[in-house]
Amino acid sequence: MDEAQADWQDETVTVVVNHEGRYALWPAHRPPPAGWREVGRSGPKDACLAYVAEVWPDPTAPARDG
């Protein structure tokens, strides 16, 4: 992980999802990349990861409501 990645992951992040129902964390101060949308959850990295684990328990498959 480079220094730029470490910096934004220490700040507020937002949960984003793509059309396949795959979730990711994204810097909250930046708009999501093309093909991704915010799901309405943002905060510390650990809290967002816990949310993703709750709604997407099997990362090898798309989420049900993505």
PDB file of N, CA and C in Angstrom:
ATOM      1  N   MET A   1       0.856  -1.167   0.000  1.00  0.00           N
ATOM      2  CA  MET A   1       0.000   0.000   0.000  1.00  0.00           C
ATOM      3  C   MET A   1       0.901   1.227   0.000  1.00  0.00           C
ATOM      4  N   ASP A   2       0.616   2.152  -0.912  1.00  0.00           N
ATOM      5  CA  ASP A   2       1.440   3.343  -0.952  1.00  0.00           C
ATOM      6  C   ASP A   2       0.929   4.366   0.052  1.00  0.00           C
ATOM      7  N   GLU A   3       1.692   5.438   0.218  1.00  0.00           N
ATOM      8  CA  GLU A   3       1.372   6.436   1.239  1.00  0.00           C
ATOM      9  C   GLU A   3       0.029   7.127   0.985  1.00  0.00           C
ATOM     10  N   ALA A   4      -0.313   7.396  -0.282  1.00  0.00           N
ATOM     11  CA  ALA A   4      -1.583   8.043  -0.594  1.00  0.00           C
ATOM     12  C   ALA A   4      -2.761   7.181  -0.165  1.00  0.00           C
ATOM     13  N   GLN A   5      -2.683   5.876  -0.394  1.00  0.00           N
ATOM     14  CA  GLN A   5      -3.758   4.981   0.039  1.00  0.00           C
ATOM     15  C   GLN A   5      -3.889   4.999   1.549  1.00  0.00           C
ATOM     16  N   ALA A   6      -2.781   4.943   2.260  1.00  0.00           N
ATOM     17  CA  ALA A   6      -2.813   4.934   3.721  1.00  0.00           C
ATOM     18  C   ALA A   6      -3.472   6.201   4.240  1.00  0.00           C
ATOM     19  N   ASP A   7      -3.216   7.339   3.604  1.00  0.00           N
ATOM     20  CA  ASP A   7      -3.779   8.603   4.063  1.00  0.00           C
ATOM     21  C   ASP A   7      -5.297   8.623   3.965  1.00  0.00           C
ATOM     22  N   TRP A   8      -5.881   8.277   2.818  1.00  0.00           N
ATOM     23  CA  TRP A   8      -7.338   8.375   2.700  1.00  0.00           C
ATOM     24  C   TRP A   8      -8.040   7.313   3.524  1.00  0.00           C
ATOM     25  N   GLN A   9      -7.414   6.177   3.752  1.00  0.00           N
ATOM     26  CA  GLN A   9      -8.058   5.125   4.536  1.00  0.00           C
ATOM     27  C   GLN A   9      -8.090   5.463   6.017  1.00  0.00           C
ATOM     28  N   ASP A  10      -7.283   6.443   6.438  1.00  0.00           N
ATOM     29  CA  ASP A  10      -7.321   6.899   7.821  1.00  0.00           C
ATOM     30  C   ASP A  10      -8.376   7.973   8.042  1.00  0.00           C
ATOM     31  N   GLU A  11      -8.954   8.479   6.954  1.00  0.00           N
ATOM     32  CA  GLU A  11      -9.975   9.516   7.029  1.00  0.00           C
ATOM     33  C   GLU A  11     -11.356   8.874   6.889  1.00  0.00           C
ATOM     34  N   THR A  12     -12.369   9.702   6.762  1.00  0.00           N
ATOM     35  CA  THR A  12     -13.727   9.196   6.556  1.00  0.00           C
ATOM     36  C   THR A  12     -13.829   8.567   5.174  1.00  0.00           C
ATOM     37  N   VAL A  13     -14.407   7.378   5.138  1.00  0.00           N
ATOM     38  CA  VAL A  13     -14.623   6.683   3.868  1.00  0.00           C
ATOM     39  C   VAL A  13     -16.120   6.489   3.680  1.00  0.00           C
ATOM     40  N   THR A  14     -16.506   6.180   2.462  1.00  0.00           N
ATOM     41  CA  THR A  14     -17.906   5.892   2.160  1.00  0.00           C
ATOM     42  C   THR A  14     -17.976   4.531   1.482  1.00  0.00           C
ATOM     43  N   VAL A  15     -19.085   3.859   1.666  1.00  0.00           N
ATOM     44  CA  VAL A  15     -19.287   2.556   1.034  1.00  0.00           C
ATOM     45  C   VAL A  15     -19.925   2.796  -0.329  1.00  0.00           C
ATOM     46  N   VAL A  16     -19.362   2.170  -1.347  1.00  0.00           N
ATOM     47  CA  VAL A  16     -19.906   2.272  -2.701  1.00  0.00           C
ATOM     48  C   VAL A  16     -20.194   0.861  -3.214  1.00  0.00           C
ATOM     49  N   VAL A  17     -21.094   0.783  -4.200  1.00  0.00           N
ATOM     50  CA  VAL A  17     -21.469  -0.502  -4.791  1.00  0.00           C
ATOM     51  C   VAL A  17     -21.573  -0.298  -6.297  1.00  0.00           C
ATOM     52  N   ASN A  18     -21.239  -1.340  -7.052  1.00  0.00           N
ATOM     53  CA  ASN A  18     -21.354  -1.242  -8.512  1.00  0.00           C
ATOM     54  C   ASN A  18     -22.573  -2.017  -8.997  1.00  0.00           C
ATOM     55  N   HIS A  19     -22.784  -2.048 -10.296  1.00  0.00           N
ATOM     56  CA  HIS A  19     -23.966  -2.701 -10.870  1.00  0.00           C
ATOM     57  C   HIS A  19     -23.967  -4.219 -10.669  1.00  0.00           C
ATOM     58  N   GLU A  20     -22.818  -4.790 -10.341  1.00  0.00           N
ATOM     59  CA  GLU A  20     -22.739  -6.235 -10.067  1.00  0.00           C
ATOM     60  C   GLU A  20     -22.999  -6.549  -8.599  1.00  0.00           C
ATOM     61  N   GLY A  21     -23.217  -5.518  -7.782  1.00  0.00           N
ATOM     62  CA  GLY A  21     -23.453  -5.731  -6.360  1.00  0.00           C
ATOM     63  C   GLY A  21     -22.189  -5.930  -5.565  1.00  0.00           C
ATOM     64  N   ARG A  22     -21.082  -5.501  -6.104  1.00  0.00           N
ATOM     65  CA  ARG A  22     -19.797  -5.604  -5.397  1.00  0.00           C
ATOM     66  C   ARG A  22     -19.542  -4.314  -4.639  1.00  0.00           C
ATOM     67  N   TYR A  23     -19.124  -4.445  -3.398  1.00  0.00           N
ATOM     68  CA  TYR A  23     -18.926  -3.303  -2.513  1.00  0.00           C
ATOM     69  C   TYR A  23     -17.453  -2.942  -2.407  1.00  0.00           C
ATOM     70  N   ALA A  24     -17.212  -1.662  -2.100  1.00  0.00           N
ATOM     71  CA  ALA A  24     -15.855  -1.168  -1.897  1.00  0.00           C
ATOM     72  C   ALA A  24     -15.916   0.056  -0.989  1.00  0.00           C
ATOM     73  N   LEU A  25     -14.768   0.443  -0.463  1.00  0.00           N
ATOM     74  CA  LEU A  25     -14.647   1.680   0.298  1.00  0.00           C
ATOM     75  C   LEU A  25     -14.006   2.717  -0.605  1.00  0.00           C
ATOM     76  N   TRP A  26     -14.432   3.965  -0.447  1.00  0.00           N
ATOM     77  CA  TRP A  26     -13.948   5.051  -1.292  1.00  0.00           C
ATOM     78  C   TRP A  26     -13.773   6.289  -0.427  1.00  0.00           C
ATOM     79  N   PRO A  27     -12.812   7.149  -0.743  1.00  0.00           N
ATOM     80  CA  PRO A  27     -12.665   8.383   0.050  1.00  0.00           C
ATOM     81  C   PRO A  27     -13.959   9.195   0.035  1.00  0.00           C
ATOM     82  N   ALA A  28     -14.439   9.579   1.199  1.00  0.00           N
ATOM     83  CA  ALA A  28     -15.721  10.279   1.298  1.00  0.00           C
ATOM     84  C   ALA A  28     -15.694  11.647   0.628  1.00  0.00           C
ATOM     85  N   HIS A  29     -14.532  12.238   0.518  1.00  0.00           N
ATOM     86  CA  HIS A  29     -14.443  13.577  -0.061  1.00  0.00           C
ATOM     87  C   HIS A  29     -14.363  13.568  -1.591  1.00  0.00           C
ATOM     88  N   ARG A  30     -14.404  12.392  -2.194  1.00  0.00           N
ATOM     89  CA  ARG A  30     -14.335  12.284  -3.658  1.00  0.00           C
ATOM     90  C   ARG A  30     -15.603  11.639  -4.195  1.00  0.00           C
ATOM     91  N   PRO A  31     -16.039  12.040  -5.386  1.00  0.00           N
ATOM     92  CA  PRO A  31     -17.198  11.361  -5.978  1.00  0.00           C
ATOM     93  C   PRO A  31     -16.824   9.936  -6.367  1.00  0.00           C
ATOM     94  N   PRO A  32     -17.776   9.015  -6.327  1.00  0.00           N
ATOM     95  CA  PRO A  32     -17.452   7.636  -6.701  1.00  0.00           C
ATOM     96  C   PRO A  32     -17.027   7.557  -8.168  1.00  0.00           C
ATOM     97  N   PRO A  33     -16.224   6.563  -8.492  1.00  0.00           N
ATOM     98  CA  PRO A  33     -15.816   6.404  -9.891  1.00  0.00           C
ATOM     99  C   PRO A  33     -17.007   5.975 -10.752  1.00  0.00           C
ATOM    100  N   ALA A  34     -16.853   6.104 -12.050  1.00  0.00           N
ATOM    101  CA  ALA A  34     -17.915   5.716 -12.989  1.00  0.00           C
ATOM    102  C   ALA A  34     -18.317   4.265 -12.739  1.00  0.00           C
ATOM    103  N   GLY A  35     -19.615   4.029 -12.717  1.00  0.00           N
ATOM    104  CA  GLY A  35     -20.125   2.678 -12.515  1.00  0.00           C
ATOM    105  C   GLY A  35     -20.352   2.313 -11.061  1.00  0.00           C
ATOM    106  N   TRP A  36     -20.037   3.205 -10.144  1.00  0.00           N
ATOM    107  CA  TRP A  36     -20.216   2.971  -8.712  1.00  0.00           C
ATOM    108  C   TRP A  36     -21.142   4.040  -8.157  1.00  0.00           C
ATOM    109  N   ARG A  37     -21.884   3.693  -7.082  1.00  0.00           N
ATOM    110  CA  ARG A  37     -22.742   4.661  -6.412  1.00  0.00           C
ATOM    111  C   ARG A  37     -22.599   4.500  -4.907  1.00  0.00           C
ATOM    112  N   GLU A  38     -22.823   5.580  -4.192  1.00  0.00           N
ATOM    113  CA  GLU A  38     -22.776   5.537  -2.734  1.00  0.00           C
ATOM    114  C   GLU A  38     -24.023   4.830  -2.210  1.00  0.00           C
ATOM    115  N   VAL A  39     -23.873   4.100  -1.109  1.00  0.00           N
ATOM    116  CA  VAL A  39     -25.015   3.396  -0.522  1.00  0.00           C
ATOM    117  C   VAL A  39     -25.562   4.114   0.716  1.00  0.00           C
ATOM    118  N   GLY A  40     -24.979   5.240   1.075  1.00  0.00           N
ATOM    119  CA  GLY A  40     -25.482   6.007   2.214  1.00  0.00           C
ATOM    120  C   GLY A  40     -24.791   5.706   3.526  1.00  0.00           C
ATOM    121  N   ARG A  41     -23.706   4.989   3.493  1.00  0.00           N
ATOM    122  CA  ARG A  41     -22.941   4.703   4.709  1.00  0.00           C
ATOM    123  C   ARG A  41     -21.566   5.323   4.567  1.00  0.00           C
ATOM    124  N   SER A  42     -21.162   6.091   5.564  1.00  0.00           N
ATOM    125  CA  SER A  42     -19.810   6.635   5.595  1.00  0.00           C
ATOM    126  C   SER A  42     -19.383   6.743   7.044  1.00  0.00           C
ATOM    127  N   GLY A  43     -18.072   6.837   7.255  1.00  0.00           N
ATOM    128  CA  GLY A  43     -17.526   6.925   8.598  1.00  0.00           C
ATOM    129  C   GLY A  43     -16.124   6.364   8.636  1.00  0.00           C
ATOM    130  N   PRO A  44     -15.692   5.920   9.803  1.00  0.00           N
ATOM    131  CA  PRO A  44     -14.361   5.317   9.920  1.00  0.00           C
ATOM    132  C   PRO A  44     -14.282   4.013   9.119  1.00  0.00           C
ATOM    133  N   LYS A  45     -13.106   3.683   8.680  1.00  0.00           N
ATOM    134  CA  LYS A  45     -12.893   2.489   7.858  1.00  0.00           C
ATOM    135  C   LYS A  45     -13.454   1.234   8.526  1.00  0.00           C
ATOM    136  N   ASP A  46     -13.175   1.026   9.815  1.00  0.00           N
ATOM    137  CA  ASP A  46     -13.629  -0.191  10.499  1.00  0.00           C
ATOM    138  C   ASP A  46     -15.152  -0.313  10.508  1.00  0.00           C
ATOM    139  N   ALA A  47     -15.853   0.798  10.722  1.00  0.00           N
ATOM    140  CA  ALA A  47     -17.320   0.763  10.735  1.00  0.00           C
ATOM    141  C   ALA A  47     -17.863   0.446   9.345  1.00  0.00           C
ATOM    142  N   CYS A  48     -17.234   1.005   8.319  1.00  0.00           N
ATOM    143  CA  CYS A  48     -17.690   0.732   6.956  1.00  0.00           C
ATOM    144  C   CYS A  48     -17.403  -0.707   6.560  1.00  0.00           C
ATOM    145  N   LEU A  49     -16.269  -1.236   6.974  1.00  0.00           N
ATOM    146  CA  LEU A  49     -15.967  -2.646   6.696  1.00  0.00           C
ATOM    147  C   LEU A  49     -16.965  -3.560   7.392  1.00  0.00           C
ATOM    148  N   ALA A  50     -17.364  -3.220   8.606  1.00  0.00           N
ATOM    149  CA  ALA A  50     -18.356  -4.024   9.325  1.00  0.00           C
ATOM    150  C   ALA A  50     -19.690  -4.006   8.585  1.00  0.00           C
ATOM    151  N   TYR A  51     -20.085  -2.853   8.058  1.00  0.00           N
ATOM    152  CA  TYR A  51     -21.318  -2.761   7.286  1.00  0.00           C
ATOM    153  C   TYR A  51     -21.240  -3.633   6.036  1.00  0.00           C
ATOM    154  N   VAL A  52     -20.129  -3.555   5.311  1.00  0.00           N
ATOM    155  CA  VAL A  52     -19.963  -4.364   4.102  1.00  0.00           C
ATOM    156  C   VAL A  52     -20.045  -5.846   4.451  1.00  0.00           C
ATOM    157  N   ALA A  53     -19.414  -6.262   5.536  1.00  0.00           N
ATOM    158  CA  ALA A  53     -19.458  -7.669   5.945  1.00  0.00           C
ATOM    159  C   ALA A  53     -20.886  -8.107   6.260  1.00  0.00           C
ATOM    160  N   GLU A  54     -21.687  -7.188   6.765  1.00  0.00           N
ATOM    161  CA  GLU A  54     -23.083  -7.502   7.105  1.00  0.00           C
ATOM    162  C   GLU A  54     -23.947  -7.666   5.847  1.00  0.00           C
ATOM    163  N   VAL A  55     -23.781  -6.774   4.880  1.00  0.00           N
ATOM    164  CA  VAL A  55     -24.641  -6.807   3.698  1.00  0.00           C
ATOM    165  C   VAL A  55     -24.094  -7.667   2.573  1.00  0.00           C
ATOM    166  N   TRP A  56     -22.830  -8.009   2.649  1.00  0.00           N
ATOM    167  CA  TRP A  56     -22.176  -8.786   1.581  1.00  0.00           C
ATOM    168  C   TRP A  56     -21.298  -9.857   2.221  1.00  0.00           C
ATOM    169  N   PRO A  57     -21.920 -10.863   2.872  1.00  0.00           N
ATOM    170  CA  PRO A  57     -21.161 -11.861   3.625  1.00  0.00           C
ATOM    171  C   PRO A  57     -20.291 -12.769   2.756  1.00  0.00           C
ATOM    172  N   ASP A  58     -20.611 -12.899   1.473  1.00  0.00           N
ATOM    173  CA  ASP A  58     -19.823 -13.749   0.576  1.00  0.00           C
ATOM    174  C   ASP A  58     -19.253 -12.901  -0.563  1.00  0.00           C
ATOM    175  N   PRO A  59     -18.045 -12.371  -0.386  1.00  0.00           N
ATOM    176  CA  PRO A  59     -17.467 -11.484  -1.398  1.00  0.00           C
ATOM    177  C   PRO A  59     -17.181 -12.174  -2.740  1.00  0.00           C
ATOM    178  N   THR A  60     -17.316 -13.479  -2.808  1.00  0.00           N
ATOM    179  CA  THR A  60     -17.096 -14.160  -4.078  1.00  0.00           C
ATOM    180  C   THR A  60     -18.339 -14.122  -4.948  1.00  0.00           C
ATOM    181  N   ALA A  61     -19.470 -13.659  -4.367  1.00  0.00           N
ATOM    182  CA  ALA A  61     -20.728 -13.576  -5.113  1.00  0.00           C
ATOM    183  C   ALA A  61     -21.291 -12.168  -4.995  1.00  0.00           C
ATOM    184  N   PRO A  62     -22.040 -11.711  -5.972  1.00  0.00           N
ATOM    185  CA  PRO A  62     -22.666 -10.395  -5.878  1.00  0.00           C
ATOM    186  C   PRO A  62     -23.650 -10.331  -4.709  1.00  0.00           C
ATOM    187  N   ALA A  63     -23.836  -9.150  -4.183  1.00  0.00           N
ATOM    188  CA  ALA A  63     -24.807  -8.951  -3.110  1.00  0.00           C
ATOM    189  C   ALA A  63     -26.221  -9.097  -3.661  1.00  0.00           C
ATOM    190  N   ARG A  64     -27.152  -9.435  -2.781  1.00  0.00           N
ATOM    191  CA  ARG A  64     -28.545  -9.626  -3.202  1.00  0.00           C
ATOM    192  C   ARG A  64     -29.212  -8.334  -3.618  1.00  0.00           C
ATOM    193  N   ASP A  65     -28.907  -7.242  -2.920  1.00  0.00           N
ATOM    194  CA  ASP A  65     -29.612  -5.999  -3.192  1.00  0.00           C
ATOM    195  C   ASP A  65     -28.735  -4.945  -3.853  1.00  0.00           C
ATOM    196  N   GLY A  66     -27.608  -5.333  -4.470  1.00  0.00           N
ATOM    197  CA  GLY A  66     -26.683  -4.390  -5.086  1.00  0.00           C
ATOM    198  C   GLY A  66     -27.286  -3.694  -6.191  1.00  0.00           C
TER     199      GLY A  66
END
